[in-house]
C-alpha cells in the first residue's frame, strides 16, 4: 500500500456518492443533526464542544457502518439499499455492539479527561468568560488558549490510539462474520503498525476533513461523512485481504 492510494480511496468514495446520492445524503444529514444537537446542548460549556469534536472522530467508524454497507453493495454491482444498510449490523450484532460499547467507554473517559485538563489550566478563569460569546469568548481567554494547547496535545495521542484500533475494525467484522471485535481491533492495530506512513497520512486526512465538518457546525459533514465512510471501505479492501 502506497501513500498515493489515499487519493484513490477518496476518489472512489466520491464516485460512490455519485452512485448512491440519496443514501449518502441520509447519513450526512443524520451526522449534521447529531452535531447540531450537541452544539445546542453544550453551547455554554465550550470546552465540552472541543471534546465533542474529538469524540466525533472516535465514534465515526461506528457511525459509518451503514456507509460501509452501501460501498460494499456498489462494489458487488448491486443497487444501493438504504434500509438494508441501516440494519447491516445485525449480521454480526454481538461483536459490533461490543465494539460500539468500547468506543462509548473511550469517549466517556476522554470527556472526563477534558474536564480534568480544564482544572489543570486553572478552570476558575473559564468561569468568568462572557457566556453570550460562547466558544469565541472561551478561545479569547488566556486560560482558554492554555487549555487548547494541552487539549490538542493529549487529544492527538488519544485519537491516534482510537484510530489504530478502529481503522478497519467494522469493515472486517462486516466482511467476515466469524471475526470477533477483539480480533478485529488487533488486526486494525497490526495494519496501522505495518503501514505507518500511509496510516499517518490517512489519519491526518480524516482529522482535517472531520475538523472542517465540525467547524462548520456539521454542515460540511453532509458530504464529508459519506465521502470518508466510502473511502474507508476502499482503504480496508487495500489493507486487508480476506
Protein backbone atom coordinates (compact mmCIF):
# COMPACT_ATOMS: atom_id res chain seq x y z
CA UNK A 1 0.00 0.00 0.00
CA UNK A 2 1.39 3.37 -1.07
CA UNK A 3 0.67 6.88 0.20
CA UNK A 4 -0.66 7.78 -3.25
CA UNK A 5 -3.54 5.34 -2.70
CA UNK A 6 -5.07 7.71 -0.14
CA UNK A 7 -6.10 9.91 -3.04
CA UNK A 8 -7.52 6.86 -4.82
CA UNK A 9 -9.63 5.98 -1.77
CA UNK A 10 -11.11 9.49 -1.71
CA UNK A 11 -11.75 9.41 -5.45
CA UNK A 12 -13.57 6.08 -5.16
CA UNK A 13 -15.53 7.47 -2.22
CA UNK A 14 -16.61 10.44 -4.30
CA UNK A 15 -17.75 8.10 -7.08
CA UNK A 16 -19.78 6.12 -4.55
CA UNK A 17 -21.55 9.32 -3.51
CA UNK A 18 -22.45 9.90 -7.15
CA UNK A 19 -23.83 6.36 -7.44
CA UNK A 20 -25.76 6.48 -4.15
CA UNK A 21 -26.75 10.14 -3.65
CA UNK A 22 -29.88 9.59 -1.54
CA UNK A 23 -28.28 7.13 0.89
CA UNK A 24 -25.24 9.42 1.17
CA UNK A 25 -27.46 12.43 1.88
CA UNK A 26 -29.39 10.49 4.53
CA UNK A 27 -26.28 9.57 6.52
CA UNK A 28 -24.78 13.03 6.04
CA UNK A 29 -27.92 14.70 7.39
CA UNK A 30 -28.00 12.34 10.37
CA UNK A 31 -24.49 13.47 11.28
CA UNK A 32 -25.48 17.13 10.80
CA UNK A 33 -28.45 16.77 13.19
CA UNK A 34 -26.24 14.95 15.71
CA UNK A 35 -23.64 17.73 15.72
CA UNK A 36 -26.27 20.49 15.89
CA UNK A 37 -27.89 18.77 18.87
CA UNK A 38 -24.53 18.51 20.65
CA UNK A 39 -23.66 22.15 19.93
CA UNK A 40 -27.02 23.28 21.32
CA UNK A 41 -26.56 21.11 24.40
CA UNK A 42 -23.01 22.21 25.25
CA UNK A 43 -23.05 25.80 23.98
CA UNK A 44 -22.49 27.21 27.47
CA UNK A 45 -19.60 24.83 28.21
CA UNK A 46 -17.18 25.50 25.34
CA UNK A 47 -14.50 23.05 26.46
CA UNK A 48 -17.01 20.22 26.02
CA UNK A 49 -17.54 21.34 22.42
CA UNK A 50 -13.89 20.62 21.74
CA UNK A 51 -14.22 17.27 23.46
CA UNK A 52 -17.21 16.65 21.18
CA UNK A 53 -15.11 17.36 18.11
CA UNK A 54 -12.57 14.74 19.11
CA UNK A 55 -15.36 12.36 20.10
CA UNK A 56 -16.84 12.58 16.59
CA UNK A 57 -13.52 11.30 15.25
CA UNK A 58 -13.63 8.43 17.75
CA UNK A 59 -17.17 7.26 17.06
CA UNK A 60 -17.12 7.92 13.30
CA UNK A 61 -16.09 4.30 12.49
CA UNK A 62 -19.32 3.08 14.11
CA UNK A 63 -21.49 5.86 12.67
CA UNK A 64 -20.22 4.93 9.19
CA UNK A 65 -21.36 1.29 9.44
CA UNK A 66 -24.27 1.87 7.05
CA UNK A 67 -21.95 3.62 4.59
CA UNK A 68 -19.64 0.60 4.55
CA UNK A 69 -22.65 -1.48 3.58
CA UNK A 70 -23.58 0.88 0.75
CA UNK A 71 -20.00 0.82 -0.56
CA UNK A 72 -19.99 -2.98 -0.39
CA UNK A 73 -23.27 -3.14 -2.31
CA UNK A 74 -21.90 -0.89 -5.04
CA UNK A 75 -18.71 -2.91 -5.17
CA UNK A 76 -20.77 -6.04 -5.79
CA UNK A 77 -22.66 -4.30 -8.60
CA UNK A 78 -25.91 -4.12 -6.66
CA UNK A 79 -28.33 -1.22 -6.41
CA UNK A 80 -27.83 0.70 -3.11
CA UNK A 81 -30.35 -0.38 -0.49
CA UNK A 82 -30.64 2.20 2.30
CA UNK A 83 -32.89 0.06 4.51
CA UNK A 84 -30.53 -2.89 4.31
CA UNK A 85 -27.56 -0.67 5.15
CA UNK A 86 -29.33 0.64 8.26
CA UNK A 87 -29.61 -2.88 9.68
CA UNK A 88 -26.40 -4.46 8.37
CA UNK A 89 -25.04 -4.58 11.94
CA UNK A 90 -27.50 -7.41 12.70
CA UNK A 91 -25.30 -9.85 10.79
CA UNK A 92 -22.61 -9.58 13.47
CA UNK A 93 -24.69 -7.95 16.21
CA UNK A 94 -22.80 -9.03 19.32
CA UNK A 95 -19.33 -8.06 18.14
CA UNK A 96 -20.35 -4.78 16.54
CA UNK A 97 -22.33 -3.88 19.67
CA UNK A 98 -19.36 -4.68 21.91
CA UNK A 99 -17.10 -2.57 19.71
CA UNK A 100 -19.62 0.29 19.91
CA UNK A 101 -19.63 -0.01 23.70
CA UNK A 102 -15.82 0.09 23.68
CA UNK A 103 -15.88 3.32 21.69
CA UNK A 104 -18.53 4.75 24.01
CA UNK A 105 -16.35 4.00 27.03
CA UNK A 106 -13.36 5.68 25.38
CA UNK A 107 -15.45 8.75 24.55
CA UNK A 108 -16.73 8.88 28.14
CA UNK A 109 -13.19 8.64 29.51
CA UNK A 110 -11.99 11.31 27.09
CA UNK A 111 -14.76 13.67 28.19
CA UNK A 112 -13.69 13.16 31.79
CA UNK A 113 -10.06 13.81 30.85
CA UNK A 114 -11.12 17.03 29.10
CA UNK A 115 -12.71 18.20 32.34
CA UNK A 116 -9.51 17.43 34.23
CA UNK A 117 -7.48 19.38 31.69
CA UNK A 118 -9.63 22.42 32.42
CA UNK A 119 -8.78 22.07 36.11
CA UNK A 120 -5.07 21.79 35.29
CA UNK A 121 -5.12 25.14 33.45
CA UNK A 122 -6.98 26.98 36.20
CA UNK A 123 -10.61 26.36 35.38
CA UNK A 124 -11.74 29.25 37.58
CA UNK A 125 -10.61 31.59 34.82
CA UNK A 126 -13.00 29.91 32.40
CA UNK A 127 -15.96 30.60 34.62
CA UNK A 128 -15.78 34.35 34.03
CA UNK A 129 -15.81 34.06 30.24
CA UNK A 130 -18.68 36.02 28.68
CA UNK A 131 -21.29 33.31 28.08
CA UNK A 132 -23.01 35.24 25.29
CA UNK A 133 -19.83 34.97 23.23
CA UNK A 134 -19.89 31.18 23.51
CA UNK A 135 -16.87 29.34 22.14
CA UNK A 136 -15.34 32.59 20.83
CA UNK A 137 -15.21 34.08 24.31
CA UNK A 138 -13.58 30.91 25.55
CA UNK A 139 -10.95 30.98 22.80
CA UNK A 140 -10.09 34.63 23.50
CA UNK A 141 -9.36 34.00 27.18
CA UNK A 142 -5.83 33.29 28.40
CA UNK A 143 -6.90 30.12 30.17
CA UNK A 144 -8.73 29.06 27.03
CA UNK A 145 -5.56 29.24 24.96
CA UNK A 146 -3.65 27.29 27.60
CA UNK A 147 -6.40 24.69 27.64
CA UNK A 148 -6.36 24.33 23.84
CA UNK A 149 -2.60 23.75 23.78
CA UNK A 150 -2.78 20.94 26.33
CA UNK A 151 -6.05 19.62 24.88
CA UNK A 152 -4.73 19.16 21.36
CA UNK A 153 -1.50 17.52 22.51
CA UNK A 154 -3.31 14.98 24.72
CA UNK A 155 -6.19 14.65 22.25
CA UNK A 156 -3.78 13.76 19.44
CA UNK A 157 -2.47 10.78 21.41
CA UNK A 158 -5.98 9.61 22.34
CA UNK A 159 -7.28 9.99 18.79
CA UNK A 160 -4.23 8.16 17.41
CA UNK A 161 -4.90 5.19 19.69
CA UNK A 162 -8.58 5.04 18.74
CA UNK A 163 -7.67 5.33 15.06
CA UNK A 164 -5.21 2.45 15.32
CA UNK A 165 -7.74 0.04 16.85
CA UNK A 166 -10.67 1.04 14.65
CA UNK A 167 -9.47 1.93 11.16
CA UNK A 168 -10.51 -1.44 9.64
CA UNK A 169 -12.40 -2.99 12.57
CA UNK A 170 -16.04 -2.72 11.48
CA UNK A 171 -15.39 -3.35 7.76
CA UNK A 172 -13.57 -6.53 8.81
CA UNK A 173 -16.46 -7.67 11.01
CA UNK A 174 -18.91 -6.96 8.19
CA UNK A 175 -16.84 -8.90 5.67
CA UNK A 176 -16.16 -11.89 7.93
CA UNK A 177 -18.89 -12.56 10.46
CA UNK A 178 -16.71 -15.06 12.31
CA UNK A 179 -14.26 -12.35 13.37
CA UNK A 180 -14.75 -11.10 16.93
CA UNK A 181 -14.38 -7.45 17.90
CA UNK A 182 -11.14 -8.04 19.83
CA UNK A 183 -9.62 -9.91 16.88
CA UNK A 184 -10.72 -7.11 14.57
CA UNK A 185 -9.19 -4.42 16.80
CA UNK A 186 -5.92 -6.35 16.98
CA UNK A 187 -5.88 -6.70 13.19
CA UNK A 188 -6.58 -2.97 12.85
CA UNK A 189 -3.65 -2.19 15.14
CA UNK A 190 -1.36 -4.52 13.17
CA UNK A 191 -2.39 -2.92 9.88
CA UNK A 192 -1.62 0.52 11.30
CA UNK A 193 1.79 -0.55 12.55
CA UNK A 194 2.70 -2.27 9.28
CA UNK A 195 1.80 0.79 7.20
CA UNK A 196 2.78 3.64 9.50
CA UNK A 197 3.45 6.22 6.77
CA UNK A 198 0.27 5.55 4.84
CA UNK A 199 -1.82 5.38 8.00
CA UNK A 200 -0.36 8.66 9.25
CA UNK A 201 -1.38 10.41 6.03
CA UNK A 202 -4.81 8.74 6.15
CA UNK A 203 -5.32 9.70 9.80
CA UNK A 204 -4.34 13.32 9.11
CA UNK A 205 -6.69 13.38 6.11
CA UNK A 206 -9.55 12.09 8.27
CA UNK A 207 -8.71 14.54 11.04
CA UNK A 208 -8.55 17.59 8.78
CA UNK A 209 -11.80 16.78 6.95
CA UNK A 210 -13.71 15.93 10.13
CA UNK A 211 -12.38 19.12 11.75
CA UNK A 212 -13.75 21.10 8.81
CA UNK A 213 -17.07 19.31 9.25
CA UNK A 214 -17.25 20.10 12.96
CA UNK A 215 -16.03 23.70 12.49
CA UNK A 216 -18.91 24.34 10.08
CA UNK A 217 -21.36 23.17 12.77
CA UNK A 218 -21.86 19.94 10.87
CA UNK A 219 -22.92 21.45 7.54
CA UNK A 220 -19.86 20.18 5.66
CA UNK A 221 -20.31 16.77 7.29
CA UNK A 222 -23.29 16.19 4.99
CA UNK A 223 -20.70 15.48 2.29
CA UNK A 224 -17.63 14.65 4.38
CA UNK A 225 -19.14 11.74 6.35
CA UNK A 226 -20.27 9.71 3.32
CA UNK A 227 -17.04 10.55 1.48
CA UNK A 228 -14.88 9.27 4.33
CA UNK A 229 -17.17 6.31 5.03
CA UNK A 230 -16.95 5.06 1.47
CA UNK A 231 -13.24 5.86 1.24
CA UNK A 232 -12.62 3.90 4.46
CA UNK A 233 -14.24 0.86 2.89
CA UNK A 234 -11.90 1.08 -0.11
CA UNK A 235 -8.96 1.60 2.26
CA UNK A 236 -9.96 -1.60 4.08
CA UNK A 237 -10.02 -3.54 0.79
CA UNK A 238 -6.46 -2.46 0.01
CA UNK A 239 -5.17 -3.01 3.53
CA UNK A 240 -6.74 -6.36 4.44
CA UNK A 241 -7.07 -9.48 2.34
CA UNK A 242 -9.99 -11.69 3.35
